[in-house]
Every structure is written in C-alpha cells, then in structure tokens.
C-alpha cells in the first residue's frame, strides 16, 4: 500500500480541501464529507494546510520485514 491522504469523520464539509486541490482529487462523498481519489492525488499537502479541523491525515503504511 502506498502513502495516501484520508479524510476522517470530523470533517465539517467546509469545501476548503476540494477548492484548493490542483488535481481535482478531492470529491464530495455520497453521504457526508469528502473523499480523496488516491490515484489522482499527488500528495502536495495543500488540503492539509487549509483544513480548519485537521481531519485530513497522511497515511504512511509501515513495511514489515
């Protein structure tokens, strides 16, 4: 699994992340909040910077030997 960004349930639907994403990788979810399209996201981090509730997290899977 590759590093990726995830938006958790504390999202307040402010739309800041979607508005700032240069790749259009942040999409409105069918229910509440947003999802990040992993293959479109370049991990630029702009969404992390504009999130007022810090609900976007960088997931970095560990490598087990």
PDB file of N, CA and C in Angstrom:
ATOM      1  N   UNK A   1       0.839  -1.177   0.000  1.00  0.00           N
ATOM      2  CA  UNK A   1       0.000   0.000   0.000  1.00  0.00           C
ATOM      3  C   UNK A   1       0.890   1.248   0.000  1.00  0.00           C
ATOM      4  N   UNK A   2       0.512   2.214  -0.790  1.00  0.00           N
ATOM      5  CA  UNK A   2       1.278   3.451  -0.920  1.00  0.00           C
ATOM      6  C   UNK A   2       0.809   4.503   0.080  1.00  0.00           C
ATOM      7  N   UNK A   3       1.667   5.485   0.383  1.00  0.00           N
ATOM      8  CA  UNK A   3       1.215   6.610   1.212  1.00  0.00           C
ATOM      9  C   UNK A   3       0.040   7.308   0.530  1.00  0.00           C
ATOM     10  N   UNK A   4      -0.912   7.746   1.322  1.00  0.00           N
ATOM     11  CA  UNK A   4      -2.087   8.419   0.779  1.00  0.00           C
ATOM     12  C   UNK A   4      -2.726   9.300   1.845  1.00  0.00           C
ATOM     13  N   UNK A   5      -3.646  10.149   1.426  1.00  0.00           N
ATOM     14  CA  UNK A   5      -4.361  11.024   2.344  1.00  0.00           C
ATOM     15  C   UNK A   5      -5.763  10.488   2.574  1.00  0.00           C
ATOM     16  N   UNK A   6      -6.238  10.624   3.811  1.00  0.00           N
ATOM     17  CA  UNK A   6      -7.597  10.226   4.150  1.00  0.00           C
ATOM     18  C   UNK A   6      -8.275  11.345   4.921  1.00  0.00           C
ATOM     19  N   UNK A   7      -9.572  11.490   4.706  1.00  0.00           N
ATOM     20  CA  UNK A   7     -10.376  12.472   5.429  1.00  0.00           C
ATOM     21  C   UNK A   7     -11.236  11.703   6.421  1.00  0.00           C
ATOM     22  N   UNK A   8     -11.124  12.051   7.717  1.00  0.00           N
ATOM     23  CA  UNK A   8     -11.885  11.302   8.716  1.00  0.00           C
ATOM     24  C   UNK A   8     -13.247  11.925   9.001  1.00  0.00           C
ATOM     25  N   UNK A   9     -13.963  11.346   9.934  1.00  0.00           N
ATOM     26  CA  UNK A   9     -15.358  11.723  10.197  1.00  0.00           C
ATOM     27  C   UNK A   9     -15.537  13.066  10.898  1.00  0.00           C
ATOM     28  N   UNK A  10     -14.456  13.728  11.285  1.00  0.00           N
ATOM     29  CA  UNK A  10     -14.594  15.044  11.916  1.00  0.00           C
ATOM     30  C   UNK A  10     -14.725  16.163  10.883  1.00  0.00           C
ATOM     31  N   UNK A  11     -14.759  15.802   9.614  1.00  0.00           N
ATOM     32  CA  UNK A  11     -14.927  16.772   8.524  1.00  0.00           C
ATOM     33  C   UNK A  11     -16.210  17.580   8.727  1.00  0.00           C
ATOM     34  N   UNK A  12     -16.127  18.901   8.536  1.00  0.00           N
ATOM     35  CA  UNK A  12     -17.291  19.784   8.714  1.00  0.00           C
ATOM     36  C   UNK A  12     -17.856  20.277   7.379  1.00  0.00           C
ATOM     37  N   UNK A  13     -17.465  19.654   6.292  1.00  0.00           N
ATOM     38  CA  UNK A  13     -17.977  19.998   4.952  1.00  0.00           C
ATOM     39  C   UNK A  13     -17.727  21.451   4.559  1.00  0.00           C
ATOM     40  N   UNK A  14     -16.567  21.984   4.900  1.00  0.00           N
ATOM     41  CA  UNK A  14     -16.281  23.394   4.590  1.00  0.00           C
ATOM     42  C   UNK A  14     -15.940  23.618   3.120  1.00  0.00           C
ATOM     43  N   UNK A  15     -15.513  22.562   2.408  1.00  0.00           N
ATOM     44  CA  UNK A  15     -15.175  22.608   0.984  1.00  0.00           C
ATOM     45  C   UNK A  15     -13.802  23.208   0.695  1.00  0.00           C
ATOM     46  N   UNK A  16     -13.040  23.577   1.729  1.00  0.00           N
ATOM     47  CA  UNK A  16     -11.714  24.164   1.510  1.00  0.00           C
ATOM     48  C   UNK A  16     -10.785  23.206   0.770  1.00  0.00           C
ATOM     49  N   UNK A  17     -10.795  21.947   1.157  1.00  0.00           N
ATOM     50  CA  UNK A  17      -9.892  20.964   0.548  1.00  0.00           C
ATOM     51  C   UNK A  17     -10.182  20.780  -0.937  1.00  0.00           C
ATOM     52  N   UNK A  18     -11.444  20.666  -1.266  1.00  0.00           N
ATOM     53  CA  UNK A  18     -11.823  20.484  -2.671  1.00  0.00           C
ATOM     54  C   UNK A  18     -11.463  21.711  -3.494  1.00  0.00           C
ATOM     55  N   UNK A  19     -11.682  22.884  -2.929  1.00  0.00           N
ATOM     56  CA  UNK A  19     -11.421  24.126  -3.653  1.00  0.00           C
ATOM     57  C   UNK A  19      -9.939  24.342  -3.945  1.00  0.00           C
ATOM     58  N   UNK A  20      -9.069  23.868  -3.065  1.00  0.00           N
ATOM     59  CA  UNK A  20      -7.639  24.138  -3.213  1.00  0.00           C
ATOM     60  C   UNK A  20      -6.889  23.042  -3.980  1.00  0.00           C
ATOM     61  N   UNK A  21      -7.488  21.891  -4.176  1.00  0.00           N
ATOM     62  CA  UNK A  21      -6.785  20.770  -4.813  1.00  0.00           C
ATOM     63  C   UNK A  21      -6.519  21.040  -6.297  1.00  0.00           C
ATOM     64  N   UNK A  22      -5.234  21.119  -6.696  1.00  0.00           N
ATOM     65  CA  UNK A  22      -4.911  21.408  -8.098  1.00  0.00           C
ATOM     66  C   UNK A  22      -5.207  20.244  -9.046  1.00  0.00           C
ATOM     67  N   UNK A  23      -5.348  19.046  -8.502  1.00  0.00           N
ATOM     68  CA  UNK A  23      -5.585  17.859  -9.330  1.00  0.00           C
ATOM     69  C   UNK A  23      -7.052  17.461  -9.390  1.00  0.00           C
ATOM     70  N   UNK A  24      -7.902  18.116  -8.618  1.00  0.00           N
ATOM     71  CA  UNK A  24      -9.310  17.725  -8.571  1.00  0.00           C
ATOM     72  C   UNK A  24      -9.508  16.366  -7.928  1.00  0.00           C
ATOM     73  N   UNK A  25      -8.597  15.999  -7.019  1.00  0.00           N
ATOM     74  CA  UNK A  25      -8.632  14.673  -6.401  1.00  0.00           C
ATOM     75  C   UNK A  25      -9.580  14.581  -5.213  1.00  0.00           C
ATOM     76  N   UNK A  26     -10.063  15.713  -4.718  1.00  0.00           N
ATOM     77  CA  UNK A  26     -10.983  15.706  -3.583  1.00  0.00           C
ATOM     78  C   UNK A  26     -12.409  15.766  -4.121  1.00  0.00           C
ATOM     79  N   UNK A  27     -13.175  14.745  -3.803  1.00  0.00           N
ATOM     80  CA  UNK A  27     -14.532  14.621  -4.325  1.00  0.00           C
ATOM     81  C   UNK A  27     -15.543  14.622  -3.187  1.00  0.00           C
ATOM     82  N   UNK A  28     -16.714  15.177  -3.438  1.00  0.00           N
ATOM     83  CA  UNK A  28     -17.794  15.151  -2.456  1.00  0.00           C
ATOM     84  C   UNK A  28     -18.260  13.707  -2.304  1.00  0.00           C
ATOM     85  N   UNK A  29     -18.372  13.249  -1.065  1.00  0.00           N
ATOM     86  CA  UNK A  29     -18.822  11.885  -0.795  1.00  0.00           C
ATOM     87  C   UNK A  29     -20.325  11.770  -1.014  1.00  0.00           C
ATOM     88  N   UNK A  30     -20.806  10.559  -1.239  1.00  0.00           N
ATOM     89  CA  UNK A  30     -22.239  10.343  -1.445  1.00  0.00           C
ATOM     90  C   UNK A  30     -23.041  10.722  -0.207  1.00  0.00           C
ATOM     91  N   UNK A  31     -22.512  10.452   0.963  1.00  0.00           N
ATOM     92  CA  UNK A  31     -23.199  10.784   2.214  1.00  0.00           C
ATOM     93  C   UNK A  31     -22.715  12.150   2.696  1.00  0.00           C
ATOM     94  N   UNK A  32     -21.841  12.162   3.674  1.00  0.00           N
ATOM     95  CA  UNK A  32     -21.291  13.404   4.225  1.00  0.00           C
ATOM     96  C   UNK A  32     -19.795  13.464   3.985  1.00  0.00           C
ATOM     97  N   UNK A  33     -19.262  14.668   3.922  1.00  0.00           N
ATOM     98  CA  UNK A  33     -17.826  14.848   3.809  1.00  0.00           C
ATOM     99  C   UNK A  33     -17.284  14.678   2.401  1.00  0.00           C
ATOM    100  N   UNK A  34     -16.002  14.358   2.351  1.00  0.00           N
ATOM    101  CA  UNK A  34     -15.276  14.272   1.094  1.00  0.00           C
ATOM    102  C   UNK A  34     -14.414  13.022   1.084  1.00  0.00           C
ATOM    103  N   UNK A  35     -14.002  12.612  -0.088  1.00  0.00           N
ATOM    104  CA  UNK A  35     -13.055  11.514  -0.242  1.00  0.00           C
ATOM    105  C   UNK A  35     -11.928  11.991  -1.153  1.00  0.00           C
ATOM    106  N   UNK A  36     -10.771  11.413  -0.967  1.00  0.00           N
ATOM    107  CA  UNK A  36      -9.624  11.761  -1.805  1.00  0.00           C
ATOM    108  C   UNK A  36      -9.357  10.602  -2.750  1.00  0.00           C
ATOM    109  N   UNK A  37      -9.391  10.890  -4.030  1.00  0.00           N
ATOM    110  CA  UNK A  37      -9.127   9.892  -5.068  1.00  0.00           C
ATOM    111  C   UNK A  37      -7.617   9.631  -5.079  1.00  0.00           C
ATOM    112  N   UNK A  38      -7.235   8.495  -4.552  1.00  0.00           N
ATOM    113  CA  UNK A  38      -5.829   8.174  -4.320  1.00  0.00           C
ATOM    114  C   UNK A  38      -4.961   8.289  -5.568  1.00  0.00           C
ATOM    115  N   UNK A  39      -5.439   7.837  -6.695  1.00  0.00           N
ATOM    116  CA  UNK A  39      -4.605   7.826  -7.890  1.00  0.00           C
ATOM    117  C   UNK A  39      -4.477   9.194  -8.554  1.00  0.00           C
ATOM    118  N   UNK A  40      -5.342  10.131  -8.212  1.00  0.00           N
ATOM    119  CA  UNK A  40      -5.230  11.495  -8.735  1.00  0.00           C
ATOM    120  C   UNK A  40      -4.426  12.398  -7.815  1.00  0.00           C
ATOM    121  N   UNK A  41      -4.396  12.058  -6.540  1.00  0.00           N
ATOM    122  CA  UNK A  41      -3.722  12.882  -5.529  1.00  0.00           C
ATOM    123  C   UNK A  41      -2.204  12.787  -5.683  1.00  0.00           C
ATOM    124  N   UNK A  42      -1.538  13.939  -5.687  1.00  0.00           N
ATOM    125  CA  UNK A  42      -0.078  13.975  -5.799  1.00  0.00           C
ATOM    126  C   UNK A  42       0.594  14.208  -4.448  1.00  0.00           C
ATOM    127  N   UNK A  43      -0.178  14.189  -3.362  1.00  0.00           N
ATOM    128  CA  UNK A  43       0.324  14.403  -2.001  1.00  0.00           C
ATOM    129  C   UNK A  43       0.991  15.767  -1.837  1.00  0.00           C
ATOM    130  N   UNK A  44       0.473  16.776  -2.526  1.00  0.00           N
ATOM    131  CA  UNK A  44       1.060  18.118  -2.435  1.00  0.00           C
ATOM    132  C   UNK A  44       0.861  18.743  -1.056  1.00  0.00           C
ATOM    133  N   UNK A  45      -0.182  18.325  -0.336  1.00  0.00           N
ATOM    134  CA  UNK A  45      -0.410  18.803   1.019  1.00  0.00           C
ATOM    135  C   UNK A  45      -1.212  20.080   1.156  1.00  0.00           C
ATOM    136  N   UNK A  46      -1.673  20.647   0.056  1.00  0.00           N
ATOM    137  CA  UNK A  46      -2.450  21.889   0.147  1.00  0.00           C
ATOM    138  C   UNK A  46      -3.727  21.693   0.959  1.00  0.00           C
ATOM    139  N   UNK A  47      -4.369  20.558   0.797  1.00  0.00           N
ATOM    140  CA  UNK A  47      -5.604  20.296   1.552  1.00  0.00           C
ATOM    141  C   UNK A  47      -5.332  20.234   3.051  1.00  0.00           C
ATOM    142  N   UNK A  48      -4.188  19.683   3.426  1.00  0.00           N
ATOM    143  CA  UNK A  48      -3.809  19.625   4.840  1.00  0.00           C
ATOM    144  C   UNK A  48      -3.689  21.029   5.429  1.00  0.00           C
ATOM    145  N   UNK A  49      -3.140  21.937   4.660  1.00  0.00           N
ATOM    146  CA  UNK A  49      -2.911  23.305   5.124  1.00  0.00           C
ATOM    147  C   UNK A  49      -4.199  24.089   5.325  1.00  0.00           C
ATOM    148  N   UNK A  50      -5.225  23.830   4.520  1.00  0.00           N
ATOM    149  CA  UNK A  50      -6.446  24.642   4.590  1.00  0.00           C
ATOM    150  C   UNK A  50      -7.556  24.026   5.438  1.00  0.00           C
ATOM    151  N   UNK A  51      -7.369  22.836   5.937  1.00  0.00           N
ATOM    152  CA  UNK A  51      -8.413  22.183   6.731  1.00  0.00           C
ATOM    153  C   UNK A  51      -8.494  22.814   8.125  1.00  0.00           C
ATOM    154  N   UNK A  52      -9.637  23.434   8.468  1.00  0.00           N
ATOM    155  CA  UNK A  52      -9.754  24.111   9.757  1.00  0.00           C
ATOM    156  C   UNK A  52      -9.909  23.171  10.954  1.00  0.00           C
ATOM    157  N   UNK A  53     -10.235  21.912  10.713  1.00  0.00           N
ATOM    158  CA  UNK A  53     -10.425  20.970  11.820  1.00  0.00           C
ATOM    159  C   UNK A  53      -9.410  19.823  11.805  1.00  0.00           C
ATOM    160  N   UNK A  54      -8.396  19.925  10.970  1.00  0.00           N
ATOM    161  CA  UNK A  54      -7.305  18.945  10.920  1.00  0.00           C
ATOM    162  C   UNK A  54      -7.811  17.507  10.758  1.00  0.00           C
ATOM    163  N   UNK A  55      -8.767  17.320   9.848  1.00  0.00           N
ATOM    164  CA  UNK A  55      -9.340  15.983   9.667  1.00  0.00           C
ATOM    165  C   UNK A  55      -8.707  15.201   8.520  1.00  0.00           C
ATOM    166  N   UNK A  56      -7.722  15.784   7.857  1.00  0.00           N
ATOM    167  CA  UNK A  56      -7.051  15.095   6.754  1.00  0.00           C
ATOM    168  C   UNK A  56      -5.715  14.582   7.270  1.00  0.00           C
ATOM    169  N   UNK A  57      -5.479  13.309   7.086  1.00  0.00           N
ATOM    170  CA  UNK A  57      -4.275  12.673   7.619  1.00  0.00           C
ATOM    171  C   UNK A  57      -3.495  11.981   6.510  1.00  0.00           C
ATOM    172  N   UNK A  58      -2.169  12.069   6.615  1.00  0.00           N
ATOM    173  CA  UNK A  58      -1.291  11.330   5.720  1.00  0.00           C
ATOM    174  C   UNK A  58      -1.107   9.939   6.304  1.00  0.00           C
ATOM    175  N   UNK A  59      -1.480   8.940   5.546  1.00  0.00           N
ATOM    176  CA  UNK A  59      -1.339   7.543   5.961  1.00  0.00           C
ATOM    177  C   UNK A  59      -0.082   6.989   5.298  1.00  0.00           C
ATOM    178  N   UNK A  60       0.865   6.581   6.116  1.00  0.00           N
ATOM    179  CA  UNK A  60       2.109   6.014   5.595  1.00  0.00           C
ATOM    180  C   UNK A  60       2.255   4.588   6.132  1.00  0.00           C
ATOM    181  N   UNK A  61       1.902   3.618   5.327  1.00  0.00           N
ATOM    182  CA  UNK A  61       1.978   2.223   5.759  1.00  0.00           C
ATOM    183  C   UNK A  61       3.408   1.825   6.116  1.00  0.00           C
ATOM    184  N   UNK A  62       3.531   1.033   7.155  1.00  0.00           N
ATOM    185  CA  UNK A  62       4.860   0.567   7.537  1.00  0.00           C
ATOM    186  C   UNK A  62       5.218  -0.670   6.725  1.00  0.00           C
ATOM    187  N   UNK A  63       6.504  -0.863   6.559  1.00  0.00           N
ATOM    188  CA  UNK A  63       6.997  -2.027   5.826  1.00  0.00           C
ATOM    189  C   UNK A  63       7.484  -3.044   6.851  1.00  0.00           C
ATOM    190  N   UNK A  64       6.887  -4.212   6.831  1.00  0.00           N
ATOM    191  CA  UNK A  64       7.290  -5.278   7.755  1.00  0.00           C
ATOM    192  C   UNK A  64       8.282  -6.194   7.063  1.00  0.00           C
ATOM    193  N   UNK A  65       9.351  -6.516   7.766  1.00  0.00           N
ATOM    194  CA  UNK A  65      10.370  -7.413   7.199  1.00  0.00           C
ATOM    195  C   UNK A  65       9.999  -8.844   7.413  1.00  0.00           C
TER     196      UNK A  65
END
